[in-house]
N, C-alpha and C. Protein backbone atom coordinates (compact mmCIF):
# COMPACT_ATOMS: atom_id res chain seq x y z
N MET A 1 57.53 33.27 -25.75
CA MET A 1 56.76 34.56 -25.87
C MET A 1 55.78 34.32 -24.14
N PRO A 2 56.31 35.09 -23.46
CA PRO A 2 55.43 34.49 -22.30
C PRO A 2 53.63 34.50 -22.08
N ALA A 3 53.45 34.09 -21.15
CA ALA A 3 51.71 33.50 -20.50
C ALA A 3 51.24 34.98 -20.56
N GLU A 4 50.23 35.38 -20.96
CA GLU A 4 49.15 36.17 -20.54
C GLU A 4 48.79 36.28 -19.19
N THR A 5 49.24 37.36 -18.21
CA THR A 5 49.00 37.36 -16.93
C THR A 5 47.78 38.50 -16.81
N LEU A 6 46.52 37.70 -15.93
CA LEU A 6 45.53 38.58 -15.32
C LEU A 6 45.55 38.98 -13.99
N ALA A 7 45.85 40.01 -13.59
CA ALA A 7 45.18 40.82 -12.28
C ALA A 7 43.97 40.59 -11.82
N ILE A 8 43.61 39.69 -10.65
CA ILE A 8 42.24 40.14 -10.17
C ILE A 8 42.33 40.71 -8.73
N ILE A 9 41.75 41.77 -8.96
CA ILE A 9 41.92 42.75 -8.02
C ILE A 9 40.56 42.43 -6.55
N ASP A 10 40.66 41.99 -5.93
CA ASP A 10 39.87 41.65 -4.64
C ASP A 10 39.87 43.26 -4.60
N GLY A 11 38.43 43.71 -5.26
CA GLY A 11 37.99 45.06 -4.94
C GLY A 11 37.09 45.04 -3.67
N HIS A 12 36.59 45.00 -3.07
CA HIS A 12 35.84 44.53 -1.32
C HIS A 12 36.62 44.41 -0.46
N TYR A 13 37.74 43.87 -0.71
CA TYR A 13 39.03 43.91 0.37
C TYR A 13 39.74 45.07 0.59
N TYR A 14 40.11 45.36 -0.46
CA TYR A 14 40.83 46.44 -0.79
C TYR A 14 40.14 47.66 -0.29
N ALA A 15 39.08 47.67 -0.64
CA ALA A 15 38.01 48.98 -0.42
C ALA A 15 38.31 49.08 1.41
N TYR A 16 37.69 47.65 1.73
CA TYR A 16 37.65 47.82 3.40
C TYR A 16 39.34 48.31 3.90
N ARG A 17 40.24 47.73 3.58
CA ARG A 17 41.21 47.89 3.92
C ARG A 17 41.76 49.36 3.59
N PHE A 18 41.43 49.88 3.00
CA PHE A 18 41.68 51.09 2.16
C PHE A 18 41.00 52.02 3.43
N PHE A 19 39.70 51.73 3.88
CA PHE A 19 39.02 52.41 4.76
C PHE A 19 39.28 52.46 6.49
N PHE A 20 39.80 51.19 6.51
CA PHE A 20 40.18 51.49 8.29
C PHE A 20 41.50 51.57 8.04
N GLY A 21 42.28 51.21 7.28
CA GLY A 21 44.07 51.95 7.24
C GLY A 21 44.46 53.48 6.55
N MET A 22 43.20 54.09 6.53
CA MET A 22 43.69 55.30 5.78
C MET A 22 43.04 56.47 7.02
N PRO A 23 44.02 57.73 7.46
CA PRO A 23 43.65 58.72 8.14
C PRO A 23 41.65 58.61 7.16
N PRO A 24 40.46 59.55 7.45
CA PRO A 24 39.43 60.32 6.89
C PRO A 24 39.32 61.24 5.85
N LEU A 25 40.00 61.10 4.82
CA LEU A 25 39.72 62.29 3.84
C LEU A 25 39.10 62.37 3.06
N THR A 26 38.46 63.60 2.75
CA THR A 26 37.53 63.97 2.58
C THR A 26 37.63 65.48 1.60
N GLY A 27 36.19 65.70 0.43
CA GLY A 27 36.60 66.11 -0.30
C GLY A 27 35.61 67.75 -0.31
N PRO A 28 35.53 68.83 -1.08
CA PRO A 28 34.57 69.75 -1.22
C PRO A 28 33.13 69.07 -0.35
N GLY A 29 32.74 69.87 0.56
CA GLY A 29 31.20 69.30 1.01
C GLY A 29 31.39 68.34 2.11
N GLY A 30 32.76 67.88 2.26
CA GLY A 30 32.88 66.65 3.46
C GLY A 30 32.60 65.21 2.91
N ARG A 31 32.87 65.70 1.60
CA ARG A 31 32.44 64.46 0.46
C ARG A 31 33.67 63.10 1.24
N PRO A 32 33.36 61.85 1.58
CA PRO A 32 34.58 61.16 2.03
C PRO A 32 35.11 60.85 0.81
N THR A 33 36.90 60.67 0.75
CA THR A 33 37.39 60.21 -0.79
C THR A 33 38.78 59.47 -0.36
N GLY A 34 39.17 58.90 1.17
CA GLY A 34 40.22 58.03 1.06
C GLY A 34 39.92 57.10 0.20
N VAL A 35 39.20 56.35 0.07
CA VAL A 35 38.85 54.87 -0.51
C VAL A 35 39.11 55.35 -1.54
N THR A 36 38.80 56.28 -2.53
CA THR A 36 38.92 56.34 -3.95
C THR A 36 40.15 56.63 -4.01
N TYR A 37 40.76 57.73 -3.52
CA TYR A 37 42.22 58.00 -3.31
C TYR A 37 43.61 56.97 -3.39
N ALA A 38 43.27 56.43 -2.42
CA ALA A 38 44.20 55.17 -2.02
C ALA A 38 43.94 54.00 -3.15
N PHE A 39 42.77 54.05 -3.36
CA PHE A 39 42.17 52.94 -4.84
C PHE A 39 43.12 53.83 -6.40
N ALA A 40 43.07 54.48 -6.41
CA ALA A 40 43.58 55.40 -7.04
C ALA A 40 44.83 55.11 -7.47
N ASN A 41 45.77 55.04 -6.49
CA ASN A 41 47.35 54.86 -6.26
C ASN A 41 47.46 53.70 -6.28
N LEU A 42 46.61 52.71 -6.35
CA LEU A 42 46.76 51.24 -6.17
C LEU A 42 46.90 50.51 -8.01
N LEU A 43 46.18 51.67 -8.73
CA LEU A 43 45.58 51.45 -10.02
C LEU A 43 46.98 51.51 -10.42
N LYS A 44 47.48 52.74 -10.31
CA LYS A 44 48.52 53.68 -10.64
C LYS A 44 50.02 52.67 -10.45
N GLU A 45 49.72 52.71 -9.65
CA GLU A 45 51.19 51.45 -8.88
C GLU A 45 51.34 50.31 -10.02
N LEU A 46 49.87 49.22 -10.06
CA LEU A 46 49.83 48.32 -11.23
C LEU A 46 49.97 48.43 -12.58
N ARG A 47 49.36 49.73 -13.11
CA ARG A 47 49.41 49.90 -14.12
C ARG A 47 51.37 50.19 -14.44
N THR A 48 52.08 50.35 -13.80
CA THR A 48 53.78 50.69 -14.15
C THR A 48 53.92 49.16 -14.48
N ASN A 49 53.29 47.90 -13.82
CA ASN A 49 53.72 46.63 -13.88
C ASN A 49 53.55 46.52 -15.80
N PRO A 50 54.51 46.03 -16.43
CA PRO A 50 55.05 45.32 -17.44
C PRO A 50 53.98 44.09 -17.42
N GLY A 51 54.10 43.31 -16.75
CA GLY A 51 53.88 41.97 -16.78
C GLY A 51 52.43 41.64 -16.66
N ILE A 52 51.49 42.36 -16.51
CA ILE A 52 49.83 42.41 -16.53
C ILE A 52 49.14 42.51 -17.29
N THR A 53 48.67 41.62 -18.20
CA THR A 53 48.01 41.75 -19.60
C THR A 53 46.44 41.92 -19.58
N HIS A 54 46.12 41.84 -18.56
CA HIS A 54 44.53 41.80 -18.34
C HIS A 54 44.20 42.06 -16.91
N TRP A 55 43.09 42.79 -16.81
CA TRP A 55 42.54 43.27 -15.29
C TRP A 55 41.70 43.14 -15.33
N VAL A 56 41.19 42.93 -13.96
CA VAL A 56 39.61 42.65 -13.79
C VAL A 56 39.68 43.13 -11.95
N ALA A 57 38.56 43.76 -11.67
CA ALA A 57 38.35 44.52 -9.84
C ALA A 57 36.73 43.43 -9.79
N VAL A 58 37.18 42.76 -8.80
CA VAL A 58 35.57 41.93 -8.09
C VAL A 58 35.07 42.97 -6.86
N PHE A 59 33.53 42.79 -6.79
CA PHE A 59 33.26 43.79 -5.39
C PHE A 59 32.48 42.66 -5.22
N ASP A 60 32.12 42.72 -4.11
CA ASP A 60 30.29 42.06 -3.25
C ASP A 60 29.54 42.50 -4.18
N ALA A 61 28.43 41.69 -4.62
CA ALA A 61 27.41 42.07 -4.94
C ALA A 61 26.27 42.33 -3.81
N PRO A 62 25.10 43.54 -3.67
CA PRO A 62 24.69 43.42 -2.74
C PRO A 62 23.63 42.53 -2.57
N GLY A 63 22.83 42.29 -1.27
CA GLY A 63 22.25 41.05 -1.15
C GLY A 63 22.86 40.10 -0.67
N LYS A 64 21.71 39.09 -0.01
CA LYS A 64 22.33 37.63 0.51
C LYS A 64 23.07 36.88 -0.48
N THR A 65 23.99 35.68 0.07
CA THR A 65 24.15 34.83 -1.33
C THR A 65 24.10 33.86 -0.37
N PHE A 66 23.98 32.70 -1.53
CA PHE A 66 23.66 31.42 -1.40
C PHE A 66 24.64 30.69 0.32
N ARG A 67 25.42 31.00 0.99
CA ARG A 67 25.80 31.25 1.98
C ARG A 67 24.59 31.51 3.13
N ASP A 68 24.07 32.41 2.93
CA ASP A 68 22.66 32.92 3.50
C ASP A 68 21.66 32.06 3.56
N GLU A 69 21.64 31.13 2.39
CA GLU A 69 20.57 30.55 1.89
C GLU A 69 20.55 29.17 3.07
N LEU A 70 21.96 28.77 3.05
CA LEU A 70 22.55 27.21 3.41
C LEU A 70 22.59 27.53 5.08
N TYR A 71 22.96 29.09 5.25
CA TYR A 71 22.79 28.73 7.16
C TYR A 71 22.32 30.35 7.08
N SER A 72 21.58 30.21 8.39
CA SER A 72 20.50 31.30 8.43
C SER A 72 21.63 32.87 9.31
N GLU A 73 22.19 31.87 9.93
CA GLU A 73 23.23 32.80 10.92
C GLU A 73 24.71 33.38 10.30
N TYR A 74 24.74 33.38 8.68
CA TYR A 74 25.70 33.13 7.91
C TYR A 74 26.07 34.65 8.41
N LYS A 75 26.89 35.37 9.01
CA LYS A 75 27.78 36.55 9.04
C LYS A 75 26.93 37.50 9.71
N VAL A 76 25.40 37.22 10.67
CA VAL A 76 24.77 37.57 11.13
C VAL A 76 25.23 38.41 12.15
N HIS A 77 26.15 38.45 12.51
CA HIS A 77 26.73 39.70 13.25
C HIS A 77 27.68 40.30 13.10
N ARG A 78 27.72 40.48 11.32
CA ARG A 78 28.92 41.60 10.98
C ARG A 78 28.28 43.11 11.02
N GLU A 79 29.27 43.85 11.06
CA GLU A 79 28.30 45.01 10.82
C GLU A 79 28.02 45.61 9.55
N PRO A 80 27.12 46.39 9.54
CA PRO A 80 27.06 46.64 7.83
C PRO A 80 28.07 47.48 7.24
N THR A 81 28.42 47.69 6.44
CA THR A 81 29.19 48.75 5.52
C THR A 81 29.24 49.95 5.91
N PRO A 82 30.29 50.36 6.48
CA PRO A 82 30.33 51.76 6.99
C PRO A 82 29.56 52.81 5.74
N GLU A 83 29.17 54.08 6.00
CA GLU A 83 28.20 54.69 5.31
C GLU A 83 29.28 55.55 4.54
N PRO A 84 30.32 55.92 5.16
CA PRO A 84 31.24 56.98 4.22
C PRO A 84 32.38 55.65 3.44
N LEU A 85 32.39 54.56 3.09
CA LEU A 85 32.83 53.64 2.76
C LEU A 85 32.00 53.46 1.19
N ALA A 86 30.15 53.03 1.55
CA ALA A 86 29.14 52.98 0.97
C ALA A 86 29.13 54.24 0.50
N LYS A 87 29.50 55.32 0.39
CA LYS A 87 29.39 56.22 -1.02
C LYS A 87 30.33 56.44 -1.89
N GLN A 88 31.50 55.65 -1.36
CA GLN A 88 32.63 55.86 -2.62
C GLN A 88 32.98 54.71 -3.59
N LEU A 89 31.77 53.59 -2.99
CA LEU A 89 32.14 52.69 -3.89
C LEU A 89 31.86 52.87 -5.72
N PRO A 90 30.91 53.50 -5.49
CA PRO A 90 30.39 53.80 -6.77
C PRO A 90 31.66 54.61 -7.60
N ASP A 91 32.29 55.78 -6.42
CA ASP A 91 33.54 56.42 -7.35
C ASP A 91 34.22 55.56 -7.74
N VAL A 92 34.45 54.70 -6.80
CA VAL A 92 35.78 53.23 -7.38
C VAL A 92 35.44 52.77 -8.41
N ALA A 93 33.87 52.42 -8.91
CA ALA A 93 33.73 51.73 -10.19
C ALA A 93 33.59 52.72 -11.06
N ARG A 94 33.50 53.90 -10.88
CA ARG A 94 34.01 54.86 -12.16
C ARG A 94 35.64 55.04 -12.91
N LEU A 95 36.29 54.87 -11.66
CA LEU A 95 37.79 55.03 -11.36
C LEU A 95 38.02 53.66 -12.42
N CYS A 96 37.48 52.51 -11.79
CA CYS A 96 38.26 51.35 -12.49
C CYS A 96 37.54 51.20 -14.09
N ALA A 97 36.37 52.08 -14.61
CA ALA A 97 36.00 52.32 -15.91
C ALA A 97 36.68 52.99 -16.56
N ALA A 98 37.09 54.26 -15.51
CA ALA A 98 38.06 55.29 -16.53
C ALA A 98 39.22 54.37 -17.01
N ASN A 99 39.83 53.45 -16.19
CA ASN A 99 41.14 52.90 -16.46
C ASN A 99 40.67 51.67 -17.12
N GLY A 100 39.52 51.15 -17.79
CA GLY A 100 39.53 50.12 -18.27
C GLY A 100 39.70 48.76 -17.92
N ILE A 101 39.27 48.95 -16.59
CA ILE A 101 39.56 47.71 -15.70
C ILE A 101 38.12 47.23 -15.69
N PRO A 102 37.63 46.11 -16.10
CA PRO A 102 36.02 45.66 -16.16
C PRO A 102 36.07 45.12 -14.39
N LEU A 103 34.47 45.77 -13.98
CA LEU A 103 34.25 45.42 -12.80
C LEU A 103 33.09 44.05 -12.65
N VAL A 104 33.72 43.29 -11.74
CA VAL A 104 32.70 42.25 -11.44
C VAL A 104 32.31 42.06 -10.31
N SER A 105 30.59 42.32 -10.48
CA SER A 105 30.13 41.90 -8.77
C SER A 105 28.73 40.61 -9.31
N THR A 106 28.75 39.41 -8.65
CA THR A 106 27.72 38.82 -9.00
C THR A 106 27.00 38.60 -7.97
N PRO A 107 25.35 38.54 -7.91
CA PRO A 107 24.54 38.62 -7.58
C PRO A 107 24.54 36.84 -6.70
N GLY A 108 24.33 36.88 -5.06
CA GLY A 108 24.62 35.54 -4.77
C GLY A 108 25.61 35.43 -4.14
N TYR A 109 26.89 35.67 -5.03
CA TYR A 109 28.39 35.53 -4.20
C TYR A 109 28.75 36.43 -3.78
N GLU A 110 30.30 35.78 -3.23
CA GLU A 110 30.59 37.33 -2.33
C GLU A 110 32.22 37.10 -3.31
N ALA A 111 32.85 38.33 -3.22
CA ALA A 111 33.87 38.82 -3.86
C ALA A 111 34.74 37.87 -4.07
N ASP A 112 34.91 36.92 -2.97
CA ASP A 112 36.31 35.85 -3.07
C ASP A 112 36.02 34.96 -3.78
N ASP A 113 34.43 34.04 -3.98
CA ASP A 113 34.19 33.17 -4.36
C ASP A 113 33.83 33.55 -5.78
N VAL A 114 33.93 34.68 -6.24
CA VAL A 114 34.24 35.18 -8.14
C VAL A 114 35.48 34.87 -8.25
N VAL A 115 36.28 35.77 -7.42
CA VAL A 115 37.43 35.97 -7.38
C VAL A 115 38.31 34.80 -7.85
N ALA A 116 38.22 33.22 -6.98
CA ALA A 116 38.40 31.85 -6.85
C ALA A 116 38.14 31.71 -8.35
N THR A 117 36.74 31.97 -8.56
CA THR A 117 36.29 30.88 -10.34
C THR A 117 37.25 31.90 -10.84
N LEU A 118 37.16 32.95 -11.20
CA LEU A 118 37.86 33.56 -12.39
C LEU A 118 39.68 33.54 -12.22
N ALA A 119 40.18 32.70 -11.42
CA ALA A 119 41.41 32.72 -11.02
C ALA A 119 41.76 31.44 -11.77
N LEU A 120 40.74 30.26 -11.15
CA LEU A 120 41.00 29.03 -11.68
C LEU A 120 40.27 28.87 -13.61
N GLN A 121 39.66 29.60 -13.87
CA GLN A 121 39.03 29.42 -15.25
C GLN A 121 40.30 30.32 -15.79
N ALA A 122 40.87 31.21 -15.56
CA ALA A 122 41.94 31.51 -16.38
C ALA A 122 43.01 30.80 -16.06
N ALA A 123 43.46 30.11 -15.41
CA ALA A 123 44.80 29.18 -15.29
C ALA A 123 44.24 28.33 -16.14
N GLU A 124 42.88 27.55 -16.35
CA GLU A 124 42.86 26.53 -17.01
C GLU A 124 43.21 27.33 -18.47
N ALA A 125 42.58 27.99 -18.78
CA ALA A 125 42.80 28.91 -19.93
C ALA A 125 44.44 28.61 -20.41
N GLY A 126 45.28 28.38 -19.68
CA GLY A 126 46.55 28.77 -20.02
C GLY A 126 47.43 30.27 -19.10
N MET A 127 46.48 31.15 -18.72
CA MET A 127 47.18 32.38 -18.26
C MET A 127 47.73 32.26 -16.72
N GLU A 128 48.63 33.33 -16.41
CA GLU A 128 49.49 33.26 -15.60
C GLU A 128 48.07 34.23 -14.23
N VAL A 129 48.02 33.82 -13.18
CA VAL A 129 46.70 34.70 -12.88
C VAL A 129 47.95 34.88 -11.09
N ARG A 130 47.60 36.89 -10.68
CA ARG A 130 47.85 37.38 -9.66
C ARG A 130 46.67 37.86 -8.95
N ILE A 131 46.29 37.26 -7.83
CA ILE A 131 44.93 37.94 -7.24
C ILE A 131 45.70 39.01 -6.35
N LEU A 132 45.17 39.83 -5.78
CA LEU A 132 45.66 40.58 -5.20
C LEU A 132 44.45 41.15 -4.11
N SER A 133 44.99 40.27 -2.90
CA SER A 133 44.04 39.97 -1.82
C SER A 133 44.95 39.53 -0.68
N LYS A 134 44.42 39.72 0.19
CA LYS A 134 45.18 38.33 1.56
C LYS A 134 44.23 37.90 1.77
N ASP A 135 42.83 37.67 1.69
CA ASP A 135 41.96 36.86 2.26
C ASP A 135 42.65 35.24 1.55
N LYS A 136 42.44 34.72 3.28
CA LYS A 136 43.11 33.76 3.22
C LYS A 136 42.07 32.66 2.35
N ASP A 137 40.82 32.82 2.76
CA ASP A 137 40.19 32.40 1.91
C ASP A 137 40.65 31.57 0.47
N LEU A 138 41.20 32.51 -0.28
CA LEU A 138 41.35 32.03 -1.64
C LEU A 138 42.91 31.44 -1.65
N ASP A 139 43.33 31.22 -0.52
CA ASP A 139 45.00 30.02 -0.21
C ASP A 139 44.34 28.81 -1.05
N GLN A 140 43.46 28.05 -1.43
CA GLN A 140 42.98 27.06 -1.72
C GLN A 140 42.98 27.20 -3.13
N VAL A 141 42.81 27.82 -3.48
CA VAL A 141 43.08 27.89 -5.46
C VAL A 141 44.57 28.16 -5.70
N LEU A 142 45.48 28.35 -4.85
CA LEU A 142 47.00 28.81 -5.05
C LEU A 142 47.42 27.90 -5.82
N SER A 143 48.14 27.80 -6.99
CA SER A 143 49.02 26.61 -7.67
C SER A 143 50.22 27.18 -8.42
N ASP A 144 50.65 26.38 -9.30
CA ASP A 144 51.97 26.80 -9.97
C ASP A 144 51.62 28.36 -10.71
N ARG A 145 50.33 28.47 -11.22
CA ARG A 145 49.77 29.60 -12.11
C ARG A 145 48.86 30.55 -11.41
N ILE A 146 48.80 30.38 -10.39
CA ILE A 146 47.85 31.20 -9.15
C ILE A 146 48.81 31.98 -8.54
N ARG A 147 48.86 32.64 -7.94
CA ARG A 147 49.43 33.64 -7.04
C ARG A 147 48.84 34.78 -6.14
N THR A 148 49.06 34.82 -5.39
CA THR A 148 48.79 36.35 -4.82
C THR A 148 50.18 37.32 -4.82
N TRP A 149 49.76 38.51 -4.92
CA TRP A 149 50.53 39.50 -5.16
C TRP A 149 49.83 40.51 -4.32
N ASP A 150 50.77 41.18 -3.37
CA ASP A 150 50.38 42.25 -2.20
C ASP A 150 51.51 43.02 -2.63
């Protein structure tokens, strides 16, 4: 029997990727919808993979992280989340919930920290893990059980 496989979607990575990589789609009244639309397509595509037995989507929690406490200049020059992207994040959360995909957001930690932790825990429990992200910080947890998948 093949091992169970957990797909961990770095939701924050994909939200930004979709926001900056797609034309600015809008719905009625000008509401931005491009990220939500692209995320729906991603979930639809992933659902067709019979090897995935478990899912989770991870997003940054609002507020500062432990790194901000350690180094006051941490990401001080990073632009705030663009408003049209921020408006779509609740829609993406509802989309994940409607598809039965748990959404994880841990205060004090960035999404990639949580992705790495979940990947290591799942691998230790005997699962295969597929990380959906191109965040190079996650390369440090790759192993025979943990791989990136895009």
